[in-house]
Amino acid sequence: MFLSQRKFAEEIVLRAKMTNCKAAATPVDSRSKLSADVGNPISDPTLYRSLAGALQYLTFTRPEIAYAVQQVCLFML
């Protein structure tokens, strides 16, 4: 049996308005440190939480993104 959530992942990219972003070989840059004090706050916290939840669901079939998703969830408002 093979499970895939490709369409769901593509919908997340559309909802995040990231269709023009370049793909990366790794899900997260392990050298950089994220901070809640740097940058502008997100304009729609509800959208951020919704996208974070969708990414959490995606980890069921894409466990390699779990660390990156966890980093996203650290900064939920």
PDB file of N, CA and C in Angstrom:
ATOM      1  N   MET A   1       0.834  -1.164   0.000  1.00  0.00           N
ATOM      2  CA  MET A   1       0.000   0.000   0.000  1.00  0.00           C
ATOM      3  C   MET A   1       0.891   1.244   0.000  1.00  0.00           C
ATOM      4  N   PHE A   2       0.485   2.225  -0.762  1.00  0.00           N
ATOM      5  CA  PHE A   2       1.232   3.475  -0.874  1.00  0.00           C
ATOM      6  C   PHE A   2       0.292   4.632  -0.554  1.00  0.00           C
ATOM      7  N   LEU A   3       0.695   5.476   0.379  1.00  0.00           N
ATOM      8  CA  LEU A   3      -0.099   6.651   0.723  1.00  0.00           C
ATOM      9  C   LEU A   3       0.597   7.896   0.195  1.00  0.00           C
ATOM     10  N   SER A   4      -0.176   8.794  -0.356  1.00  0.00           N
ATOM     11  CA  SER A   4       0.382  10.047  -0.856  1.00  0.00           C
ATOM     12  C   SER A   4      -0.583  11.183  -0.546  1.00  0.00           C
ATOM     13  N   GLN A   5      -0.035  12.301  -0.187  1.00  0.00           N
ATOM     14  CA  GLN A   5      -0.850  13.491   0.056  1.00  0.00           C
ATOM     15  C   GLN A   5      -0.352  14.645  -0.807  1.00  0.00           C
ATOM     16  N   ARG A   6       0.061  14.325  -2.004  1.00  0.00           N
ATOM     17  CA  ARG A   6       0.618  15.342  -2.905  1.00  0.00           C
ATOM     18  C   ARG A   6      -0.361  16.485  -3.133  1.00  0.00           C
ATOM     19  N   LYS A   7      -1.609  16.161  -3.432  1.00  0.00           N
ATOM     20  CA  LYS A   7      -2.606  17.201  -3.690  1.00  0.00           C
ATOM     21  C   LYS A   7      -2.799  18.067  -2.449  1.00  0.00           C
ATOM     22  N   PHE A   8      -2.842  17.448  -1.277  1.00  0.00           N
ATOM     23  CA  PHE A   8      -2.991  18.188  -0.028  1.00  0.00           C
ATOM     24  C   PHE A   8      -1.795  19.121   0.180  1.00  0.00           C
ATOM     25  N   ALA A   9      -0.588  18.631  -0.083  1.00  0.00           N
ATOM     26  CA  ALA A   9       0.621  19.452   0.054  1.00  0.00           C
ATOM     27  C   ALA A   9       0.582  20.630  -0.919  1.00  0.00           C
ATOM     28  N   GLU A  10       0.124  20.392  -2.130  1.00  0.00           N
ATOM     29  CA  GLU A  10       0.021  21.470  -3.117  1.00  0.00           C
ATOM     30  C   GLU A  10      -1.000  22.518  -2.679  1.00  0.00           C
ATOM     31  N   GLU A  11      -2.094  22.073  -2.039  1.00  0.00           N
ATOM     32  CA  GLU A  11      -3.100  23.009  -1.532  1.00  0.00           C
ATOM     33  C   GLU A  11      -2.529  23.872  -0.409  1.00  0.00           C
ATOM     34  N   ILE A  12      -1.674  23.292   0.425  1.00  0.00           N
ATOM     35  CA  ILE A  12      -1.029  24.064   1.490  1.00  0.00           C
ATOM     36  C   ILE A  12      -0.165  25.162   0.874  1.00  0.00           C
ATOM     37  N   VAL A  13       0.583  24.814  -0.155  1.00  0.00           N
ATOM     38  CA  VAL A  13       1.438  25.798  -0.837  1.00  0.00           C
ATOM     39  C   VAL A  13       0.584  26.924  -1.423  1.00  0.00           C
ATOM     40  N   LEU A  14      -0.541  26.584  -2.014  1.00  0.00           N
ATOM     41  CA  LEU A  14      -1.442  27.601  -2.569  1.00  0.00           C
ATOM     42  C   LEU A  14      -1.993  28.502  -1.472  1.00  0.00           C
ATOM     43  N   ARG A  15      -2.462  27.905  -0.370  1.00  0.00           N
ATOM     44  CA  ARG A  15      -3.026  28.691   0.737  1.00  0.00           C
ATOM     45  C   ARG A  15      -1.992  29.630   1.344  1.00  0.00           C
ATOM     46  N   ALA A  16      -0.734  29.205   1.358  1.00  0.00           N
ATOM     47  CA  ALA A  16       0.344  30.020   1.922  1.00  0.00           C
ATOM     48  C   ALA A  16       0.867  31.047   0.922  1.00  0.00           C
ATOM     49  N   LYS A  17       0.322  31.028  -0.296  1.00  0.00           N
ATOM     50  CA  LYS A  17       0.764  31.927  -1.374  1.00  0.00           C
ATOM     51  C   LYS A  17       2.265  31.792  -1.611  1.00  0.00           C
ATOM     52  N   MET A  18       2.718  30.555  -1.719  1.00  0.00           N
ATOM     53  CA  MET A  18       4.141  30.274  -1.913  1.00  0.00           C
ATOM     54  C   MET A  18       4.408  29.536  -3.222  1.00  0.00           C
ATOM     55  N   THR A  19       3.532  29.680  -4.202  1.00  0.00           N
ATOM     56  CA  THR A  19       3.690  28.952  -5.461  1.00  0.00           C
ATOM     57  C   THR A  19       4.919  29.390  -6.254  1.00  0.00           C
ATOM     58  N   ASN A  20       5.422  30.592  -6.018  1.00  0.00           N
ATOM     59  CA  ASN A  20       6.592  31.082  -6.753  1.00  0.00           C
ATOM     60  C   ASN A  20       7.906  30.866  -6.005  1.00  0.00           C
ATOM     61  N   CYS A  21       7.860  30.220  -4.858  1.00  0.00           N
ATOM     62  CA  CYS A  21       9.082  29.977  -4.074  1.00  0.00           C
ATOM     63  C   CYS A  21       9.884  28.831  -4.678  1.00  0.00           C
ATOM     64  N   LYS A  22      11.195  28.897  -4.508  1.00  0.00           N
ATOM     65  CA  LYS A  22      12.067  27.835  -5.001  1.00  0.00           C
ATOM     66  C   LYS A  22      12.042  26.657  -4.034  1.00  0.00           C
ATOM     67  N   ALA A  23      12.052  25.458  -4.576  1.00  0.00           N
ATOM     68  CA  ALA A  23      12.111  24.247  -3.756  1.00  0.00           C
ATOM     69  C   ALA A  23      13.504  24.117  -3.145  1.00  0.00           C
ATOM     70  N   ALA A  24      13.574  23.440  -2.010  1.00  0.00           N
ATOM     71  CA  ALA A  24      14.855  23.227  -1.330  1.00  0.00           C
ATOM     72  C   ALA A  24      15.093  21.733  -1.169  1.00  0.00           C
ATOM     73  N   ALA A  25      16.360  21.361  -1.130  1.00  0.00           N
ATOM     74  CA  ALA A  25      16.710  19.943  -0.985  1.00  0.00           C
ATOM     75  C   ALA A  25      16.388  19.420   0.411  1.00  0.00           C
ATOM     76  N   THR A  26      16.403  20.306   1.404  1.00  0.00           N
ATOM     77  CA  THR A  26      16.081  19.909   2.775  1.00  0.00           C
ATOM     78  C   THR A  26      14.894  20.724   3.251  1.00  0.00           C
ATOM     79  N   PRO A  27      14.077  20.180   4.156  1.00  0.00           N
ATOM     80  CA  PRO A  27      12.889  20.901   4.597  1.00  0.00           C
ATOM     81  C   PRO A  27      13.184  22.160   5.415  1.00  0.00           C
ATOM     82  N   VAL A  28      14.369  22.228   6.049  1.00  0.00           N
ATOM     83  CA  VAL A  28      14.681  23.392   6.887  1.00  0.00           C
ATOM     84  C   VAL A  28      16.195  23.592   6.925  1.00  0.00           C
ATOM     85  N   ASP A  29      16.603  24.845   7.010  1.00  0.00           N
ATOM     86  CA  ASP A  29      18.026  25.154   7.164  1.00  0.00           C
ATOM     87  C   ASP A  29      18.388  24.932   8.626  1.00  0.00           C
ATOM     88  N   SER A  30      19.154  23.915   8.901  1.00  0.00           N
ATOM     89  CA  SER A  30      19.476  23.552  10.284  1.00  0.00           C
ATOM     90  C   SER A  30      20.475  24.507  10.928  1.00  0.00           C
ATOM     91  N   ARG A  31      21.110  25.365  10.137  1.00  0.00           N
ATOM     92  CA  ARG A  31      22.098  26.299  10.691  1.00  0.00           C
ATOM     93  C   ARG A  31      21.469  27.580  11.219  1.00  0.00           C
ATOM     94  N   SER A  32      20.339  27.976  10.671  1.00  0.00           N
ATOM     95  CA  SER A  32      19.744  29.243  11.094  1.00  0.00           C
ATOM     96  C   SER A  32      18.896  29.046  12.346  1.00  0.00           C
ATOM     97  N   LYS A  33      18.801  30.103  13.128  1.00  0.00           N
ATOM     98  CA  LYS A  33      18.005  30.090  14.350  1.00  0.00           C
ATOM     99  C   LYS A  33      16.818  31.023  14.157  1.00  0.00           C
ATOM    100  N   LEU A  34      15.639  30.514  14.418  1.00  0.00           N
ATOM    101  CA  LEU A  34      14.435  31.321  14.298  1.00  0.00           C
ATOM    102  C   LEU A  34      14.222  32.106  15.582  1.00  0.00           C
ATOM    103  N   SER A  35      13.545  33.250  15.452  1.00  0.00           N
ATOM    104  CA  SER A  35      13.284  34.085  16.615  1.00  0.00           C
ATOM    105  C   SER A  35      11.943  34.775  16.447  1.00  0.00           C
ATOM    106  N   ALA A  36      11.184  34.862  17.523  1.00  0.00           N
ATOM    107  CA  ALA A  36       9.907  35.566  17.489  1.00  0.00           C
ATOM    108  C   ALA A  36      10.112  37.076  17.514  1.00  0.00           C
ATOM    109  N   ASP A  37      11.324  37.519  17.824  1.00  0.00           N
ATOM    110  CA  ASP A  37      11.610  38.947  17.956  1.00  0.00           C
ATOM    111  C   ASP A  37      12.122  39.586  16.671  1.00  0.00           C
ATOM    112  N   VAL A  38      12.368  38.803  15.644  1.00  0.00           N
ATOM    113  CA  VAL A  38      12.931  39.316  14.395  1.00  0.00           C
ATOM    114  C   VAL A  38      11.859  39.287  13.312  1.00  0.00           C
ATOM    115  N   GLY A  39      11.746  40.360  12.562  1.00  0.00           N
ATOM    116  CA  GLY A  39      10.788  40.408  11.466  1.00  0.00           C
ATOM    117  C   GLY A  39       9.449  40.975  11.895  1.00  0.00           C
ATOM    118  N   ASN A  40       8.544  41.044  10.940  1.00  0.00           N
ATOM    119  CA  ASN A  40       7.211  41.584  11.200  1.00  0.00           C
ATOM    120  C   ASN A  40       6.268  40.467  11.618  1.00  0.00           C
ATOM    121  N   PRO A  41       5.341  40.767  12.530  1.00  0.00           N
ATOM    122  CA  PRO A  41       4.350  39.744  12.898  1.00  0.00           C
ATOM    123  C   PRO A  41       3.459  39.414  11.702  1.00  0.00           C
ATOM    124  N   ILE A  42       3.003  38.196  11.663  1.00  0.00           N
ATOM    125  CA  ILE A  42       2.133  37.769  10.565  1.00  0.00           C
ATOM    126  C   ILE A  42       0.809  38.533  10.647  1.00  0.00           C
ATOM    127  N   SER A  43       0.278  38.916   9.515  1.00  0.00           N
ATOM    128  CA  SER A  43      -0.936  39.736   9.498  1.00  0.00           C
ATOM    129  C   SER A  43      -2.192  38.939   9.841  1.00  0.00           C
ATOM    130  N   ASP A  44      -2.173  37.632   9.618  1.00  0.00           N
ATOM    131  CA  ASP A  44      -3.350  36.798   9.885  1.00  0.00           C
ATOM    132  C   ASP A  44      -2.950  35.585  10.726  1.00  0.00           C
ATOM    133  N   PRO A  45      -2.986  35.715  12.063  1.00  0.00           N
ATOM    134  CA  PRO A  45      -2.587  34.598  12.926  1.00  0.00           C
ATOM    135  C   PRO A  45      -3.440  33.344  12.720  1.00  0.00           C
ATOM    136  N   THR A  46      -4.705  33.524  12.348  1.00  0.00           N
ATOM    137  CA  THR A  46      -5.577  32.369  12.121  1.00  0.00           C
ATOM    138  C   THR A  46      -5.084  31.560  10.928  1.00  0.00           C
ATOM    139  N   LEU A  47      -4.674  32.231   9.865  1.00  0.00           N
ATOM    140  CA  LEU A  47      -4.129  31.539   8.698  1.00  0.00           C
ATOM    141  C   LEU A  47      -2.850  30.799   9.082  1.00  0.00           C
ATOM    142  N   TYR A  48      -1.990  31.435   9.874  1.00  0.00           N
ATOM    143  CA  TYR A  48      -0.735  30.802  10.304  1.00  0.00           C
ATOM    144  C   TYR A  48      -1.027  29.515  11.073  1.00  0.00           C
ATOM    145  N   ARG A  49      -1.980  29.580  12.013  1.00  0.00           N
ATOM    146  CA  ARG A  49      -2.332  28.388  12.796  1.00  0.00           C
ATOM    147  C   ARG A  49      -2.933  27.307  11.905  1.00  0.00           C
ATOM    148  N   SER A  50      -3.747  27.716  10.942  1.00  0.00           N
ATOM    149  CA  SER A  50      -4.357  26.764  10.018  1.00  0.00           C
ATOM    150  C   SER A  50      -3.299  26.058   9.168  1.00  0.00           C
ATOM    151  N   LEU A  51      -2.341  26.827   8.669  1.00  0.00           N
ATOM    152  CA  LEU A  51      -1.264  26.237   7.868  1.00  0.00           C
ATOM    153  C   LEU A  51      -0.388  25.327   8.723  1.00  0.00           C
ATOM    154  N   ALA A  52      -0.109  25.732   9.961  1.00  0.00           N
ATOM    155  CA  ALA A  52       0.694  24.893  10.861  1.00  0.00           C
ATOM    156  C   ALA A  52      -0.020  23.572  11.125  1.00  0.00           C
ATOM    157  N   GLY A  53      -1.322  23.618  11.343  1.00  0.00           N
ATOM    158  CA  GLY A  53      -2.091  22.394  11.557  1.00  0.00           C
ATOM    159  C   GLY A  53      -2.101  21.501  10.331  1.00  0.00           C
ATOM    160  N   ALA A  54      -2.226  22.104   9.160  1.00  0.00           N
ATOM    161  CA  ALA A  54      -2.201  21.330   7.915  1.00  0.00           C
ATOM    162  C   ALA A  54      -0.847  20.655   7.735  1.00  0.00           C
ATOM    163  N   LEU A  55       0.224  21.371   8.067  1.00  0.00           N
ATOM    164  CA  LEU A  55       1.563  20.777   7.974  1.00  0.00           C
ATOM    165  C   LEU A  55       1.731  19.638   8.973  1.00  0.00           C
ATOM    166  N   GLN A  56       1.157  19.791  10.170  1.00  0.00           N
ATOM    167  CA  GLN A  56       1.214  18.701  11.152  1.00  0.00           C
ATOM    168  C   GLN A  56       0.531  17.455  10.595  1.00  0.00           C
ATOM    169  N   TYR A  57      -0.621  17.630   9.971  1.00  0.00           N
ATOM    170  CA  TYR A  57      -1.335  16.505   9.377  1.00  0.00           C
ATOM    171  C   TYR A  57      -0.496  15.858   8.276  1.00  0.00           C
ATOM    172  N   LEU A  58       0.203  16.679   7.511  1.00  0.00           N
ATOM    173  CA  LEU A  58       1.028  16.176   6.413  1.00  0.00           C
ATOM    174  C   LEU A  58       2.175  15.294   6.915  1.00  0.00           C
ATOM    175  N   THR A  59       2.612  15.479   8.151  1.00  0.00           N
ATOM    176  CA  THR A  59       3.722  14.672   8.681  1.00  0.00           C
ATOM    177  C   THR A  59       3.360  13.195   8.806  1.00  0.00           C
ATOM    178  N   PHE A  60       2.084  12.845   8.754  1.00  0.00           N
ATOM    179  CA  PHE A  60       1.707  11.424   8.805  1.00  0.00           C
ATOM    180  C   PHE A  60       2.283  10.653   7.626  1.00  0.00           C
ATOM    181  N   THR A  61       2.341  11.295   6.472  1.00  0.00           N
ATOM    182  CA  THR A  61       2.906  10.624   5.297  1.00  0.00           C
ATOM    183  C   THR A  61       4.262  11.189   4.898  1.00  0.00           C
ATOM    184  N   ARG A  62       4.693  12.268   5.535  1.00  0.00           N
ATOM    185  CA  ARG A  62       5.993  12.886   5.242  1.00  0.00           C
ATOM    186  C   ARG A  62       6.741  13.134   6.550  1.00  0.00           C
ATOM    187  N   PRO A  63       7.140  12.074   7.245  1.00  0.00           N
ATOM    188  CA  PRO A  63       7.777  12.252   8.563  1.00  0.00           C
ATOM    189  C   PRO A  63       9.079  13.047   8.514  1.00  0.00           C
ATOM    190  N   GLU A  64       9.698  13.145   7.357  1.00  0.00           N
ATOM    191  CA  GLU A  64      10.955  13.887   7.257  1.00  0.00           C
ATOM    192  C   GLU A  64      10.773  15.394   7.446  1.00  0.00           C
ATOM    193  N   ILE A  65       9.530  15.876   7.390  1.00  0.00           N
ATOM    194  CA  ILE A  65       9.300  17.304   7.601  1.00  0.00           C
ATOM    195  C   ILE A  65       8.915  17.621   9.044  1.00  0.00           C
ATOM    196  N   ALA A  66       8.892  16.626   9.909  1.00  0.00           N
ATOM    197  CA  ALA A  66       8.428  16.810  11.289  1.00  0.00           C
ATOM    198  C   ALA A  66       9.209  17.891  12.036  1.00  0.00           C
ATOM    199  N   TYR A  67      10.529  17.911  11.904  1.00  0.00           N
ATOM    200  CA  TYR A  67      11.321  18.916  12.618  1.00  0.00           C
ATOM    201  C   TYR A  67      10.989  20.324  12.121  1.00  0.00           C
ATOM    202  N   ALA A  68      10.883  20.497  10.820  1.00  0.00           N
ATOM    203  CA  ALA A  68      10.558  21.812  10.263  1.00  0.00           C
ATOM    204  C   ALA A  68       9.174  22.262  10.723  1.00  0.00           C
ATOM    205  N   VAL A  69       8.225  21.344  10.751  1.00  0.00           N
ATOM    206  CA  VAL A  69       6.873  21.675  11.197  1.00  0.00           C
ATOM    207  C   VAL A  69       6.885  22.050  12.675  1.00  0.00           C
ATOM    208  N   GLN A  70       7.667  21.340  13.462  1.00  0.00           N
ATOM    209  CA  GLN A  70       7.780  21.651  14.890  1.00  0.00           C
ATOM    210  C   GLN A  70       8.328  23.067  15.074  1.00  0.00           C
ATOM    211  N   GLN A  71       9.297  23.458  14.261  1.00  0.00           N
ATOM    212  CA  GLN A  71       9.855  24.808  14.338  1.00  0.00           C
ATOM    213  C   GLN A  71       8.799  25.856  13.974  1.00  0.00           C
ATOM    214  N   VAL A  72       7.964  25.560  12.994  1.00  0.00           N
ATOM    215  CA  VAL A  72       6.869  26.461  12.621  1.00  0.00           C
ATOM    216  C   VAL A  72       5.902  26.618  13.789  1.00  0.00           C
ATOM    217  N   CYS A  73       5.590  25.514  14.451  1.00  0.00           N
ATOM    218  CA  CYS A  73       4.613  25.533  15.544  1.00  0.00           C
ATOM    219  C   CYS A  73       5.124  26.262  16.785  1.00  0.00           C
ATOM    220  N   LEU A  74       6.421  26.373  16.940  1.00  0.00           N
ATOM    221  CA  LEU A  74       6.971  27.101  18.088  1.00  0.00           C
ATOM    222  C   LEU A  74       6.546  28.563  18.100  1.00  0.00           C
ATOM    223  N   PHE A  75       6.241  29.104  16.937  1.00  0.00           N
ATOM    224  CA  PHE A  75       5.949  30.528  16.832  1.00  0.00           C
ATOM    225  C   PHE A  75       4.479  30.818  16.560  1.00  0.00           C
ATOM    226  N   MET A  76       3.608  29.877  16.900  1.00  0.00           N
ATOM    227  CA  MET A  76       2.178  30.131  16.725  1.00  0.00           C
ATOM    228  C   MET A  76       1.730  31.194  17.724  1.00  0.00           C
ATOM    229  N   LEU A  77       0.888  32.098  17.266  1.00  0.00           N
ATOM    230  CA  LEU A  77       0.402  33.198  18.107  1.00  0.00           C
ATOM    231  C   LEU A  77      -0.826  32.802  18.866  1.00  0.00           C
TER     232      LEU A  77
END
